[in-house]
N, C-alpha and C. Protein backbone atom coordinates (compact mmCIF):
# COMPACT_ATOMS: atom_id res chain seq x y z
N UNK A 1 45.21 -8.51 9.58
CA UNK A 1 45.69 -7.07 9.60
C UNK A 1 46.79 -6.23 10.56
N UNK A 2 47.62 -4.98 9.85
CA UNK A 2 49.10 -5.11 9.92
C UNK A 2 49.16 -4.32 11.18
N UNK A 3 50.03 -4.13 11.28
CA UNK A 3 50.55 -3.74 13.38
C UNK A 3 50.14 -2.47 13.03
N UNK A 4 50.14 -1.77 12.05
CA UNK A 4 50.11 -0.10 11.95
C UNK A 4 48.91 -0.05 12.01
N UNK A 5 47.77 -0.81 11.53
CA UNK A 5 46.02 -0.70 11.78
C UNK A 5 45.44 -0.89 12.54
N UNK A 6 46.58 -2.07 13.28
CA UNK A 6 45.87 -2.42 14.66
C UNK A 6 45.99 -1.59 16.19
N UNK A 7 47.10 -0.66 16.06
CA UNK A 7 47.59 -0.39 16.42
C UNK A 7 46.64 1.18 16.38
N UNK A 8 46.78 2.03 15.34
CA UNK A 8 45.84 2.95 14.70
C UNK A 8 43.94 2.36 14.99
N UNK A 9 43.87 1.37 15.71
CA UNK A 9 41.87 0.84 15.40
C UNK A 9 42.55 0.92 17.22
N UNK A 10 43.52 0.55 18.15
CA UNK A 10 43.77 0.25 19.28
C UNK A 10 43.70 1.89 20.32
N UNK A 11 44.35 3.21 19.34
CA UNK A 11 44.22 4.69 19.67
C UNK A 11 42.84 4.69 19.42
N UNK A 12 42.11 4.72 18.32
CA UNK A 12 40.60 4.93 18.23
C UNK A 12 39.99 4.48 19.67
N UNK A 13 40.24 3.35 19.92
CA UNK A 13 39.44 3.13 21.02
C UNK A 13 40.07 3.50 22.07
N UNK A 14 41.50 3.97 22.58
CA UNK A 14 41.51 3.52 23.75
C UNK A 14 42.89 4.23 23.96
N UNK A 15 42.92 5.64 23.11
CA UNK A 15 44.24 6.29 23.32
C UNK A 15 43.89 7.55 24.03
N UNK A 16 42.26 7.94 24.20
CA UNK A 16 41.97 8.97 25.64
C UNK A 16 42.71 8.41 27.18
N UNK A 17 43.01 6.64 27.21
CA UNK A 17 43.51 6.66 28.19
C UNK A 17 45.24 6.36 28.59
N UNK A 18 45.44 6.99 27.35
CA UNK A 18 47.04 7.51 27.68
C UNK A 18 47.22 8.45 28.05
N UNK A 19 48.68 8.84 28.36
CA UNK A 19 49.06 10.62 28.81
C UNK A 19 48.77 11.55 27.37
N UNK A 20 48.90 12.33 27.81
CA UNK A 20 48.74 13.55 26.67
C UNK A 20 50.53 12.95 26.03
N UNK A 21 51.44 13.00 26.77
CA UNK A 21 52.90 12.70 25.52
C UNK A 21 52.80 11.73 25.24
N UNK A 22 52.31 10.53 25.67
CA UNK A 22 51.93 9.00 25.14
C UNK A 22 51.35 9.16 23.90
N UNK A 23 50.35 9.43 23.70
CA UNK A 23 49.25 10.18 22.89
C UNK A 23 49.94 10.44 22.16
N UNK A 24 50.66 11.55 21.95
CA UNK A 24 51.07 12.76 20.89
C UNK A 24 52.61 12.29 20.65
N UNK A 25 53.14 11.24 21.46
CA UNK A 25 54.10 10.69 20.55
C UNK A 25 52.99 9.10 19.33
N UNK A 26 52.74 8.50 20.22
CA UNK A 26 52.11 7.53 19.39
C UNK A 26 51.30 8.31 17.99
N UNK A 27 50.57 9.20 18.54
CA UNK A 27 49.95 10.00 16.99
C UNK A 27 51.29 10.17 16.04
N UNK A 28 52.04 10.84 16.51
CA UNK A 28 53.31 10.95 15.49
C UNK A 28 53.47 9.84 14.56
N UNK A 29 53.78 8.62 15.00
CA UNK A 29 54.52 7.42 14.72
C UNK A 29 53.50 6.84 13.77
N UNK A 30 52.14 6.40 14.52
CA UNK A 30 51.22 5.71 13.72
C UNK A 30 50.42 6.48 12.58
N UNK A 31 50.25 7.78 13.47
CA UNK A 31 49.34 8.57 12.13
C UNK A 31 49.89 9.56 11.44
N UNK A 32 51.09 10.04 12.15
CA UNK A 32 51.51 11.26 11.05
C UNK A 32 53.11 10.29 10.13
N UNK A 33 53.24 8.63 10.44
CA UNK A 33 54.69 8.48 9.83
C UNK A 33 55.90 9.10 10.17
N UNK A 34 56.17 9.41 11.42
CA UNK A 34 57.42 10.39 12.06
C UNK A 34 58.53 8.81 12.49
N UNK A 35 59.46 9.21 11.62
CA UNK A 35 60.52 8.34 12.34
C UNK A 35 61.10 8.55 13.93
N UNK A 36 61.59 8.03 14.52
CA UNK A 36 61.92 8.11 15.98
C UNK A 36 62.53 9.24 16.09
N UNK A 37 63.66 9.38 15.16
CA UNK A 37 64.76 10.41 15.41
C UNK A 37 63.46 11.60 15.49
N UNK A 38 62.83 12.04 14.09
CA UNK A 38 62.04 13.12 13.88
C UNK A 38 61.07 12.88 15.34
N UNK A 39 60.59 12.37 15.95
CA UNK A 39 59.54 12.62 16.99
C UNK A 39 61.02 12.96 18.25
N UNK A 40 61.97 12.49 18.57
CA UNK A 40 62.63 12.85 19.60
C UNK A 40 63.29 13.89 19.30
N UNK A 41 63.22 14.40 17.80
CA UNK A 41 64.05 16.27 17.85
C UNK A 41 62.49 16.58 18.58
N UNK A 42 61.40 16.22 17.58
CA UNK A 42 60.36 18.25 18.14
C UNK A 42 59.99 17.05 19.37
N UNK A 43 60.15 16.09 20.14
CA UNK A 43 59.49 16.33 21.84
C UNK A 43 60.66 16.71 22.11
N UNK A 44 61.94 16.85 21.75
CA UNK A 44 63.00 16.71 22.89
C UNK A 44 63.79 15.48 23.63
N UNK A 45 63.70 14.73 23.43
CA UNK A 45 63.73 13.08 24.11
C UNK A 45 64.75 12.79 23.61
N UNK A 46 65.31 11.32 23.62
CA UNK A 46 66.14 11.12 22.83
C UNK A 46 65.21 9.88 22.21
N UNK A 47 66.01 9.01 21.67
CA UNK A 47 65.08 8.26 20.45
C UNK A 47 64.70 7.56 20.66
N UNK A 48 65.85 6.27 22.18
CA UNK A 48 65.91 5.63 22.97
C UNK A 48 64.32 5.86 23.51
N UNK A 49 63.75 6.96 24.28
CA UNK A 49 63.01 7.38 25.11
C UNK A 49 61.69 7.33 24.32
N UNK A 50 62.00 7.67 23.26
CA UNK A 50 60.71 7.57 21.99
C UNK A 50 60.58 6.04 21.67
N UNK A 51 60.75 5.42 21.66
CA UNK A 51 61.71 4.11 20.97
C UNK A 51 60.45 3.14 22.37
N UNK A 52 61.23 3.05 23.66
CA UNK A 52 60.52 2.79 24.83
C UNK A 52 58.94 2.98 25.22
N UNK A 53 58.99 4.63 24.76
CA UNK A 53 57.04 5.12 24.85
C UNK A 53 56.27 4.84 23.64
N UNK A 54 56.69 3.95 22.87
CA UNK A 54 56.00 3.29 21.79
C UNK A 54 55.40 1.98 22.26
N UNK A 55 56.83 1.30 22.44
CA UNK A 55 56.05 -0.14 23.04
C UNK A 55 55.70 0.10 24.37
N UNK A 56 55.60 0.58 24.70
CA UNK A 56 54.63 0.80 25.86
C UNK A 56 53.88 0.93 25.77
N UNK A 57 53.23 2.10 25.36
CA UNK A 57 51.90 2.33 25.18
C UNK A 57 51.14 1.55 23.56
N UNK A 58 52.32 0.38 23.33
CA UNK A 58 51.31 -0.78 22.14
C UNK A 58 51.23 -1.64 23.51
N UNK A 59 51.88 -1.82 24.56
CA UNK A 59 51.42 -3.19 25.34
C UNK A 59 50.15 -2.70 26.19
N UNK A 60 50.31 -0.91 26.32
CA UNK A 60 48.83 -0.83 27.01
C UNK A 60 48.14 -0.82 26.38
N UNK A 61 48.04 -0.85 25.42
CA UNK A 61 47.15 -0.53 24.50
C UNK A 61 46.30 -2.08 24.07
N UNK A 62 47.45 -2.83 23.89
CA UNK A 62 46.52 -4.46 23.31
C UNK A 62 45.93 -5.11 25.20
N UNK A 63 46.32 -4.26 26.04
CA UNK A 63 45.61 -4.90 27.37
C UNK A 63 44.76 -4.09 27.55
N UNK A 64 44.81 -2.91 27.49
CA UNK A 64 42.88 -2.45 27.71
C UNK A 64 42.35 -3.38 26.91
N UNK A 65 42.46 -3.65 25.22
CA UNK A 65 41.81 -5.03 24.63
C UNK A 65 41.07 -5.75 25.47
N UNK A 66 42.42 -6.84 25.63
CA UNK A 66 42.39 -7.83 26.50
C UNK A 66 41.05 -7.22 27.49
N UNK A 67 41.61 -6.80 28.48
CA UNK A 67 40.37 -6.89 29.36
C UNK A 67 39.11 -5.89 28.88
N UNK A 68 38.70 -4.74 28.21
CA UNK A 68 37.28 -4.34 27.85
C UNK A 68 36.84 -4.86 26.61
N UNK A 69 37.43 -5.19 25.57
CA UNK A 69 37.15 -6.05 24.75
C UNK A 69 35.95 -5.19 23.13
N UNK A 70 36.57 -3.84 23.65
CA UNK A 70 35.76 -3.05 22.54
C UNK A 70 35.01 -3.30 21.56
N UNK A 71 37.22 -3.83 20.61
CA UNK A 71 37.39 -3.90 19.49
C UNK A 71 37.02 -5.24 18.69
N UNK A 72 36.66 -6.24 19.95
CA UNK A 72 36.26 -7.79 19.47
C UNK A 72 34.95 -7.40 19.32
N UNK A 73 34.32 -7.23 19.78
CA UNK A 73 32.69 -6.66 20.27
C UNK A 73 32.29 -5.76 18.92
N UNK A 74 33.14 -4.83 18.93
CA UNK A 74 32.28 -4.64 17.68
C UNK A 74 32.63 -4.90 16.07
N UNK A 75 33.57 -6.07 16.22
CA UNK A 75 33.92 -7.45 14.82
C UNK A 75 32.98 -7.22 15.32
N UNK A 76 32.54 -8.03 16.17
CA UNK A 76 31.09 -9.53 16.07
C UNK A 76 29.93 -8.66 15.89
N UNK A 77 29.42 -7.44 16.02
CA UNK A 77 28.45 -6.74 15.70
C UNK A 77 28.47 -6.38 14.15
N UNK A 78 30.06 -6.01 14.18
CA UNK A 78 29.95 -6.08 12.65
C UNK A 78 29.75 -6.94 11.45
N UNK A 79 30.31 -8.05 11.62
CA UNK A 79 29.86 -9.50 11.13
C UNK A 79 28.11 -9.71 11.04
N UNK A 80 27.34 -9.29 12.49
CA UNK A 80 26.17 -9.92 12.44
C UNK A 80 25.24 -8.63 11.05
N UNK A 81 25.62 -7.79 11.37
CA UNK A 81 25.15 -6.69 10.46
C UNK A 81 25.85 -6.70 9.03
N UNK A 82 26.52 -7.42 8.86
CA UNK A 82 26.63 -7.78 7.35
C UNK A 82 25.57 -8.61 6.94
N UNK A 83 25.27 -9.66 8.03
CA UNK A 83 25.12 -11.08 8.21
C UNK A 83 23.13 -10.32 7.81
N UNK A 84 22.91 -9.31 8.87
CA UNK A 84 21.53 -8.89 8.43
C UNK A 84 21.14 -8.55 6.96
N UNK A 85 22.27 -7.45 6.20
CA UNK A 85 22.04 -6.64 5.23
C UNK A 85 21.82 -7.57 3.91
N UNK A 86 22.18 -8.64 4.19
CA UNK A 86 22.00 -9.25 2.85
C UNK A 86 20.08 -10.09 3.26
N UNK A 87 20.07 -9.42 3.86
CA UNK A 87 18.37 -10.15 3.77
C UNK A 87 17.89 -8.72 3.51
N UNK A 88 16.56 -8.88 2.28
CA UNK A 88 16.40 -7.48 1.72
C UNK A 88 15.60 -6.59 2.75
N UNK A 89 14.98 -7.03 3.65
CA UNK A 89 13.86 -6.51 4.43
C UNK A 89 14.73 -5.63 5.43
N UNK A 90 15.90 -5.96 5.35
CA UNK A 90 16.72 -5.27 6.81
C UNK A 90 17.60 -4.41 6.26
N UNK A 91 17.81 -4.25 5.56
CA UNK A 91 18.92 -3.35 4.77
C UNK A 91 19.49 -1.80 4.85
N UNK A 92 17.97 -1.45 4.97
CA UNK A 92 18.03 0.42 4.72
C UNK A 92 18.67 0.11 6.94
N UNK A 93 17.79 -0.60 7.93
CA UNK A 93 18.40 0.23 8.60
C UNK A 93 20.17 -0.18 9.52
N UNK A 94 20.27 -1.73 8.37
CA UNK A 94 21.20 -1.95 8.76
C UNK A 94 22.31 -1.37 8.44
N UNK A 95 22.15 -0.59 7.37
CA UNK A 95 23.35 0.63 6.49
C UNK A 95 23.18 1.72 7.33
N UNK A 96 22.31 1.96 8.70
CA UNK A 96 22.15 3.14 9.19
C UNK A 96 23.21 2.63 10.54
N UNK A 97 22.67 1.16 11.16
CA UNK A 97 23.48 0.85 11.99
C UNK A 97 25.12 0.62 11.85
N UNK A 98 25.39 0.01 10.75
CA UNK A 98 26.44 0.10 10.48
C UNK A 98 27.47 2.04 10.13
N UNK A 99 26.59 2.23 9.51
CA UNK A 99 26.85 4.11 9.90
C UNK A 99 27.86 4.04 11.65
N UNK A 100 27.03 3.82 12.34
CA UNK A 100 26.88 4.45 13.28
C UNK A 100 27.78 3.96 14.10
N UNK A 101 28.91 2.21 13.80
CA UNK A 101 29.60 1.81 13.79
C UNK A 101 30.93 1.95 13.97
N UNK A 102 30.82 2.82 12.49
CA UNK A 102 31.94 3.51 11.97
C UNK A 102 32.44 4.99 12.24
N UNK A 103 32.46 5.39 12.98
CA UNK A 103 32.58 7.28 13.53
C UNK A 103 33.54 7.08 14.41
N UNK A 104 34.94 7.90 14.60
CA UNK A 104 35.85 7.85 15.13
C UNK A 104 36.63 6.70 13.36
N UNK A 105 36.53 6.54 12.90
CA UNK A 105 37.83 5.87 12.13
C UNK A 105 37.57 4.35 11.37
N UNK A 106 38.34 3.90 10.61
CA UNK A 106 38.22 3.12 10.38
C UNK A 106 39.64 2.77 9.16
N UNK A 107 40.33 2.04 9.70
CA UNK A 107 42.01 1.49 8.77
C UNK A 107 41.95 0.67 8.21
N UNK A 108 40.36 -0.01 7.23
CA UNK A 108 40.94 -0.95 6.58
C UNK A 108 41.52 -1.10 5.18
């Protein structure tokens, strides 16, 4: 999984735990693909401050995953769903369950 995809996934799960400013900067950088210079200009801060914020947020998001393991649990459930889906009698229900897991976005 690429770094950008990984961070977008982390933002899906844990972005609400960041401050509004951190979330805005991360959204610009990871989701809107703005450069650090563009973000600095938009936010009225230095490029170094943008870089520090992005680095700090990425560290915080990874820490949340290490502690809470939401993405790890989701991946484990998805693996089981795929295995169950191969059994014809469960396919319809598993497809519905898989759909509920994907609400919020998927970056693969």
